[in-house]
Protein backbone atom coordinates (compact mmCIF):
# COMPACT_ATOMS: atom_id res chain seq x y z
CA ASN A 1 -10.15 14.69 14.20
CA LYS A 2 -12.48 15.88 10.90
CA ILE A 3 -14.92 13.48 9.34
CA ASN A 4 -13.06 13.31 6.17
CA ASN A 5 -10.00 12.18 7.81
CA LEU A 6 -12.02 9.47 10.24
CA ARG A 7 -12.44 6.27 8.95
CA LEU A 8 -15.18 3.74 9.16
CA ALA A 9 -14.64 1.05 11.85
CA THR A 10 -16.57 -1.45 14.26
CA ARG A 11 -16.37 -1.86 18.04
CA PRO A 12 -14.15 -4.82 18.00
CA GLU A 13 -11.82 -3.23 14.99
CA ASN A 14 -11.62 0.02 17.41
CA GLY A 15 -11.22 -2.06 20.24
CA ARG A 16 -7.75 -3.08 19.24
CA ASN A 17 -6.25 0.21 19.51
CA ARG A 18 -6.28 -0.31 23.53
CA LYS A 19 -2.86 -0.42 25.34
CA PHE A 20 -1.29 -3.56 26.77
CA GLN A 21 -2.64 -4.56 30.00
CA ARG A 22 -1.16 -4.46 33.18
CA ASN A 23 -0.57 -8.02 33.62
CA ASN A 24 1.27 -8.43 30.21
CA THR A 25 4.17 -10.16 30.93
CA SER A 26 5.70 -10.89 27.21
CA GLY A 27 5.05 -7.42 25.80
CA VAL A 28 2.63 -8.44 22.91
CA THR A 29 -1.01 -8.76 22.75
CA GLY A 30 -1.89 -12.40 22.77
CA VAL A 31 1.72 -13.87 23.65
CA CYS A 32 1.39 -15.67 27.21
CA TRP A 33 4.14 -18.55 28.60
CA LEU A 34 2.48 -21.59 30.23
CA LYS A 35 4.16 -22.44 33.02
CA LYS A 36 3.14 -25.95 32.72
CA ARG A 37 4.09 -26.89 29.15
CA LYS A 38 7.44 -24.53 29.16
CA ARG A 39 6.50 -22.77 26.19
CA TRP A 40 5.17 -19.77 24.76
CA VAL A 41 1.30 -19.79 23.28
CA ALA A 42 0.17 -17.43 20.38
CA GLN A 43 -3.61 -16.87 20.50
CA ILE A 44 -6.29 -14.74 18.48
CA ASN A 45 -9.59 -13.53 19.38
CA PHE A 46 -11.55 -12.96 16.42
CA ASN A 47 -15.76 -12.31 16.17
CA GLY A 48 -15.77 -13.35 19.67
CA LYS A 49 -13.93 -16.70 19.31
CA ALA A 50 -10.77 -17.29 21.22
CA MET A 51 -8.60 -19.22 18.11
CA TRP A 52 -5.17 -21.16 19.06
CA VAL A 53 -2.65 -20.23 16.86
CA GLY A 54 0.16 -22.11 18.09
CA SER A 55 2.88 -23.23 20.77
CA TYR A 56 6.69 -22.47 20.85
CA VAL A 57 9.82 -23.22 22.84
CA ASN A 58 11.08 -19.74 21.11
CA LYS A 59 9.23 -16.37 22.34
CA GLU A 60 10.32 -14.64 18.70
CA ASP A 61 8.51 -17.48 17.16
CA ALA A 62 4.97 -17.34 19.03
CA ILE A 63 5.51 -13.29 18.27
CA GLN A 64 6.09 -13.93 14.38
CA VAL A 65 3.06 -16.18 14.28
CA ARG A 66 0.52 -13.66 16.43
CA LYS A 67 1.44 -10.73 14.12
CA GLU A 68 0.98 -13.00 10.84
CA ALA A 69 -2.33 -14.28 12.19
CA GLU A 70 -3.14 -10.46 13.52
CA LYS A 71 -2.30 -9.67 8.89
CA LYS A 72 -4.58 -12.45 7.99
CA TYR A 73 -8.10 -11.53 10.14
CA PHE A 74 -7.66 -7.69 11.40
CA GLY A 75 -6.29 -6.55 8.33
CA GLU A 76 -5.66 -2.25 8.73
CA PHE A 77 -7.47 -2.57 11.99
CA ARG A 78 -4.39 -4.73 13.52
CA ARG A 79 -1.73 -3.02 16.13
CA SER A 80 0.92 -1.17 15.06
CA ASP A 81 3.47 -1.81 17.58
């Protein structure tokens, strides 16, 4: 890690590179199963606020929408899973 190879990042931007939490069952950050509604939910946290992206019957749809929201809000600092 040389100074000229590093990019400037704020603490929240750099924190997006963390590993999954142990209790993550979907395998995707920001996507979870709501047992009560029997739907997959996609959400994203941006600037300290939780934003509801949507709820879907198919897990793949929730994952796709979450990834699009990451591109929109996080840009180059999004996870590269």
